[in-house]
Amino acid sequence: FGRFERRALKEYGTGLGLSIVVKAVERSGGRTWVEDRVPGDHTQGAVFVVELMAA
């Protein structure tokens, strides 16, 4: 989730959203990752997982 990276140039946005989330989650001791929505088939979308530490 690099800063200023975007999937398509036609889309609006700065490309900062996921990189900000990743930094905030990592600083709090959590983890983030991406999985295929349909296991083994990346063409069917993605699931973005955020795992936070219990307070």
PDB file of N, CA and C in Angstrom:
ATOM      1  N   PHE A   1       0.839  -1.185   0.000  1.00  0.00           N
ATOM      2  CA  PHE A   1       0.000   0.000   0.000  1.00  0.00           C
ATOM      3  C   PHE A   1       0.880   1.243   0.000  1.00  0.00           C
ATOM      4  N   GLY A   2       1.530   1.473  -1.090  1.00  0.00           N
ATOM      5  CA  GLY A   2       2.439   2.606  -1.176  1.00  0.00           C
ATOM      6  C   GLY A   2       1.713   3.934  -1.313  1.00  0.00           C
ATOM      7  N   ARG A   3       2.351   4.979  -0.827  1.00  0.00           N
ATOM      8  CA  ARG A   3       1.774   6.324  -0.938  1.00  0.00           C
ATOM      9  C   ARG A   3       1.696   6.743  -2.390  1.00  0.00           C
ATOM     10  N   PHE A   4       0.634   7.417  -2.726  1.00  0.00           N
ATOM     11  CA  PHE A   4       0.390   7.989  -4.052  1.00  0.00           C
ATOM     12  C   PHE A   4       0.216   6.944  -5.156  1.00  0.00           C
ATOM     13  N   GLU A   5       0.023   5.674  -4.799  1.00  0.00           N
ATOM     14  CA  GLU A   5      -0.241   4.640  -5.801  1.00  0.00           C
ATOM     15  C   GLU A   5      -1.742   4.523  -6.012  1.00  0.00           C
ATOM     16  N   ARG A   6      -2.130   4.485  -7.276  1.00  0.00           N
ATOM     17  CA  ARG A   6      -3.540   4.320  -7.614  1.00  0.00           C
ATOM     18  C   ARG A   6      -3.669   3.244  -8.672  1.00  0.00           C
ATOM     19  N   ARG A   7      -4.805   2.586  -8.686  1.00  0.00           N
ATOM     20  CA  ARG A   7      -5.046   1.514  -9.650  1.00  0.00           C
ATOM     21  C   ARG A   7      -5.216   2.056 -11.058  1.00  0.00           C
ATOM     22  N   ALA A   8      -5.999   3.119 -11.210  1.00  0.00           N
ATOM     23  CA  ALA A   8      -6.280   3.669 -12.537  1.00  0.00           C
ATOM     24  C   ALA A   8      -6.104   5.181 -12.517  1.00  0.00           C
ATOM     25  N   LEU A   9      -5.522   5.707 -13.549  1.00  0.00           N
ATOM     26  CA  LEU A   9      -5.295   7.149 -13.612  1.00  0.00           C
ATOM     27  C   LEU A   9      -6.583   7.935 -13.813  1.00  0.00           C
ATOM     28  N   LYS A  10      -7.632   7.309 -14.328  1.00  0.00           N
ATOM     29  CA  LYS A  10      -8.894   7.999 -14.576  1.00  0.00           C
ATOM     30  C   LYS A  10      -9.673   8.271 -13.293  1.00  0.00           C
ATOM     31  N   GLU A  11      -9.352   7.569 -12.229  1.00  0.00           N
ATOM     32  CA  GLU A  11     -10.087   7.702 -10.974  1.00  0.00           C
ATOM     33  C   GLU A  11      -9.582   8.903 -10.183  1.00  0.00           C
ATOM     34  N   TYR A  12     -10.492   9.489  -9.416  1.00  0.00           N
ATOM     35  CA  TYR A  12     -10.126  10.623  -8.570  1.00  0.00           C
ATOM     36  C   TYR A  12      -9.470  10.134  -7.290  1.00  0.00           C
ATOM     37  N   GLY A  13      -8.707  10.984  -6.664  1.00  0.00           N
ATOM     38  CA  GLY A  13      -8.091  10.663  -5.385  1.00  0.00           C
ATOM     39  C   GLY A  13      -6.595  10.893  -5.429  1.00  0.00           C
ATOM     40  N   THR A  14      -6.005  10.896  -4.255  1.00  0.00           N
ATOM     41  CA  THR A  14      -4.572  11.153  -4.145  1.00  0.00           C
ATOM     42  C   THR A  14      -3.753   9.880  -4.032  1.00  0.00           C
ATOM     43  N   GLY A  15      -4.406   8.757  -3.745  1.00  0.00           N
ATOM     44  CA  GLY A  15      -3.670   7.520  -3.549  1.00  0.00           C
ATOM     45  C   GLY A  15      -3.084   7.403  -2.158  1.00  0.00           C
ATOM     46  N   LEU A  16      -3.629   8.147  -1.207  1.00  0.00           N
ATOM     47  CA  LEU A  16      -3.102   8.126   0.163  1.00  0.00           C
ATOM     48  C   LEU A  16      -3.948   7.306   1.133  1.00  0.00           C
ATOM     49  N   GLY A  17      -5.178   7.012   0.806  1.00  0.00           N
ATOM     50  CA  GLY A  17      -6.107   6.389   1.747  1.00  0.00           C
ATOM     51  C   GLY A  17      -5.598   5.132   2.420  1.00  0.00           C
ATOM     52  N   LEU A  18      -5.248   4.107   1.642  1.00  0.00           N
ATOM     53  CA  LEU A  18      -4.801   2.850   2.235  1.00  0.00           C
ATOM     54  C   LEU A  18      -3.465   2.988   2.945  1.00  0.00           C
ATOM     55  N   SER A  19      -2.574   3.818   2.431  1.00  0.00           N
ATOM     56  CA  SER A  19      -1.278   3.964   3.103  1.00  0.00           C
ATOM     57  C   SER A  19      -1.447   4.613   4.477  1.00  0.00           C
ATOM     58  N   ILE A  20      -2.394   5.534   4.597  1.00  0.00           N
ATOM     59  CA  ILE A  20      -2.681   6.153   5.903  1.00  0.00           C
ATOM     60  C   ILE A  20      -3.260   5.119   6.855  1.00  0.00           C
ATOM     61  N   VAL A  21      -4.194   4.313   6.376  1.00  0.00           N
ATOM     62  CA  VAL A  21      -4.792   3.259   7.202  1.00  0.00           C
ATOM     63  C   VAL A  21      -3.716   2.293   7.672  1.00  0.00           C
ATOM     64  N   VAL A  22      -2.865   1.835   6.763  1.00  0.00           N
ATOM     65  CA  VAL A  22      -1.819   0.875   7.112  1.00  0.00           C
ATOM     66  C   VAL A  22      -0.898   1.443   8.186  1.00  0.00           C
ATOM     67  N   LYS A  23      -0.448   2.678   8.023  1.00  0.00           N
ATOM     68  CA  LYS A  23       0.442   3.296   9.022  1.00  0.00           C
ATOM     69  C   LYS A  23      -0.239   3.397  10.386  1.00  0.00           C
ATOM     70  N   ALA A  24      -1.487   3.859  10.400  1.00  0.00           N
ATOM     71  CA  ALA A  24      -2.206   4.018  11.667  1.00  0.00           C
ATOM     72  C   ALA A  24      -2.401   2.674  12.355  1.00  0.00           C
ATOM     73  N   VAL A  25      -2.775   1.666  11.593  1.00  0.00           N
ATOM     74  CA  VAL A  25      -3.003   0.336  12.170  1.00  0.00           C
ATOM     75  C   VAL A  25      -1.691  -0.254  12.681  1.00  0.00           C
ATOM     76  N   GLU A  26      -0.623  -0.154  11.905  1.00  0.00           N
ATOM     77  CA  GLU A  26       0.672  -0.687  12.342  1.00  0.00           C
ATOM     78  C   GLU A  26       1.174   0.013  13.595  1.00  0.00           C
ATOM     79  N   ARG A  27       0.987   1.315  13.682  1.00  0.00           N
ATOM     80  CA  ARG A  27       1.429   2.062  14.871  1.00  0.00           C
ATOM     81  C   ARG A  27       0.664   1.649  16.122  1.00  0.00           C
ATOM     82  N   SER A  28      -0.551   1.155  15.938  1.00  0.00           N
ATOM     83  CA  SER A  28      -1.341   0.714  17.089  1.00  0.00           C
ATOM     84  C   SER A  28      -1.138  -0.775  17.379  1.00  0.00           C
ATOM     85  N   GLY A  29      -0.229  -1.422  16.638  1.00  0.00           N
ATOM     86  CA  GLY A  29       0.073  -2.831  16.885  1.00  0.00           C
ATOM     87  C   GLY A  29      -0.781  -3.796  16.092  1.00  0.00           C
ATOM     88  N   GLY A  30      -1.566  -3.304  15.157  1.00  0.00           N
ATOM     89  CA  GLY A  30      -2.428  -4.164  14.351  1.00  0.00           C
ATOM     90  C   GLY A  30      -1.787  -4.558  13.033  1.00  0.00           C
ATOM     91  N   ARG A  31      -2.595  -5.206  12.178  1.00  0.00           N
ATOM     92  CA  ARG A  31      -2.107  -5.662  10.873  1.00  0.00           C
ATOM     93  C   ARG A  31      -3.149  -5.361   9.803  1.00  0.00           C
ATOM     94  N   THR A  32      -2.714  -5.250   8.564  1.00  0.00           N
ATOM     95  CA  THR A  32      -3.610  -5.112   7.417  1.00  0.00           C
ATOM     96  C   THR A  32      -3.120  -6.042   6.317  1.00  0.00           C
ATOM     97  N   TRP A  33      -4.070  -6.578   5.529  1.00  0.00           N
ATOM     98  CA  TRP A  33      -3.705  -7.384   4.369  1.00  0.00           C
ATOM     99  C   TRP A  33      -4.880  -7.453   3.409  1.00  0.00           C
ATOM    100  N   VAL A  34      -4.602  -7.960   2.219  1.00  0.00           N
ATOM    101  CA  VAL A  34      -5.611  -8.079   1.171  1.00  0.00           C
ATOM    102  C   VAL A  34      -5.749  -9.543   0.795  1.00  0.00           C
ATOM    103  N   GLU A  35      -6.991  -9.976   0.586  1.00  0.00           N
ATOM    104  CA  GLU A  35      -7.272 -11.339   0.140  1.00  0.00           C
ATOM    105  C   GLU A  35      -8.170 -11.283  -1.088  1.00  0.00           C
ATOM    106  N   ASP A  36      -8.122 -12.327  -1.915  1.00  0.00           N
ATOM    107  CA  ASP A  36      -9.078 -12.448  -3.011  1.00  0.00           C
ATOM    108  C   ASP A  36     -10.473 -12.622  -2.425  1.00  0.00           C
ATOM    109  N   ARG A  37     -11.475 -11.921  -2.986  1.00  0.00           N
ATOM    110  CA  ARG A  37     -12.855 -12.099  -2.527  1.00  0.00           C
ATOM    111  C   ARG A  37     -13.295 -13.537  -2.767  1.00  0.00           C
ATOM    112  N   VAL A  38     -12.933 -14.078  -3.918  1.00  0.00           N
ATOM    113  CA  VAL A  38     -13.143 -15.490  -4.226  1.00  0.00           C
ATOM    114  C   VAL A  38     -11.759 -16.133  -4.182  1.00  0.00           C
ATOM    115  N   PRO A  39     -11.486 -16.977  -3.183  1.00  0.00           N
ATOM    116  CA  PRO A  39     -10.145 -17.538  -3.034  1.00  0.00           C
ATOM    117  C   PRO A  39      -9.602 -18.119  -4.345  1.00  0.00           C
ATOM    118  N   GLY A  40      -8.401 -17.670  -4.706  1.00  0.00           N
ATOM    119  CA  GLY A  40      -7.741 -18.155  -5.901  1.00  0.00           C
ATOM    120  C   GLY A  40      -8.121 -17.443  -7.191  1.00  0.00           C
ATOM    121  N   ASP A  41      -9.066 -16.488  -7.123  1.00  0.00           N
ATOM    122  CA  ASP A  41      -9.506 -15.779  -8.333  1.00  0.00           C
ATOM    123  C   ASP A  41      -9.450 -14.275  -8.092  1.00  0.00           C
ATOM    124  N   HIS A  42      -8.320 -13.664  -8.424  1.00  0.00           N
ATOM    125  CA  HIS A  42      -8.131 -12.231  -8.167  1.00  0.00           C
ATOM    126  C   HIS A  42      -8.997 -11.345  -9.058  1.00  0.00           C
ATOM    127  N   THR A  43      -9.641 -11.904 -10.066  1.00  0.00           N
ATOM    128  CA  THR A  43     -10.477 -11.098 -10.968  1.00  0.00           C
ATOM    129  C   THR A  43     -11.846 -10.788 -10.383  1.00  0.00           C
ATOM    130  N   GLN A  44     -12.193 -11.386  -9.251  1.00  0.00           N
ATOM    131  CA  GLN A  44     -13.519 -11.229  -8.657  1.00  0.00           C
ATOM    132  C   GLN A  44     -13.561 -10.223  -7.512  1.00  0.00           C
ATOM    133  N   GLY A  45     -12.527  -9.423  -7.378  1.00  0.00           N
ATOM    134  CA  GLY A  45     -12.520  -8.404  -6.336  1.00  0.00           C
ATOM    135  C   GLY A  45     -11.610  -8.769  -5.184  1.00  0.00           C
ATOM    136  N   ALA A  46     -11.564  -7.873  -4.205  1.00  0.00           N
ATOM    137  CA  ALA A  46     -10.646  -8.034  -3.084  1.00  0.00           C
ATOM    138  C   ALA A  46     -11.349  -7.738  -1.768  1.00  0.00           C
ATOM    139  N   VAL A  47     -10.800  -8.307  -0.710  1.00  0.00           N
ATOM    140  CA  VAL A  47     -11.236  -8.038   0.656  1.00  0.00           C
ATOM    141  C   VAL A  47     -10.045  -7.417   1.372  1.00  0.00           C
ATOM    142  N   PHE A  48     -10.239  -6.234   1.933  1.00  0.00           N
ATOM    143  CA  PHE A  48      -9.192  -5.564   2.693  1.00  0.00           C
ATOM    144  C   PHE A  48      -9.461  -5.826   4.167  1.00  0.00           C
ATOM    145  N   VAL A  49      -8.509  -6.461   4.834  1.00  0.00           N
ATOM    146  CA  VAL A  49      -8.689  -6.883   6.221  1.00  0.00           C
ATOM    147  C   VAL A  49      -7.859  -5.984   7.134  1.00  0.00           C
ATOM    148  N   VAL A  50      -8.492  -5.510   8.203  1.00  0.00           N
ATOM    149  CA  VAL A  50      -7.815  -4.703   9.217  1.00  0.00           C
ATOM    150  C   VAL A  50      -7.990  -5.422  10.545  1.00  0.00           C
ATOM    151  N   GLU A  51      -6.884  -5.781  11.177  1.00  0.00           N
ATOM    152  CA  GLU A  51      -6.905  -6.481  12.456  1.00  0.00           C
ATOM    153  C   GLU A  51      -6.332  -5.544  13.516  1.00  0.00           C
ATOM    154  N   LEU A  52      -7.145  -5.211  14.504  1.00  0.00           N
ATOM    155  CA  LEU A  52      -6.729  -4.293  15.566  1.00  0.00           C
ATOM    156  C   LEU A  52      -6.524  -5.050  16.867  1.00  0.00           C
ATOM    157  N   MET A  53      -5.626  -4.547  17.687  1.00  0.00           N
ATOM    158  CA  MET A  53      -5.380  -5.138  18.998  1.00  0.00           C
ATOM    159  C   MET A  53      -6.526  -4.776  19.939  1.00  0.00           C
ATOM    160  N   ALA A  54      -6.880  -5.700  20.819  1.00  0.00           N
ATOM    161  CA  ALA A  54      -7.913  -5.428  21.816  1.00  0.00           C
ATOM    162  C   ALA A  54      -7.383  -4.418  22.827  1.00  0.00           C
ATOM    163  N   ALA A  55      -8.257  -3.554  23.283  1.00  0.00           N
ATOM    164  CA  ALA A  55      -7.849  -2.528  24.246  1.00  0.00           C
ATOM    165  C   ALA A  55      -7.689  -3.112  25.626  1.00  0.00           C
TER     166      ALA A  55
END
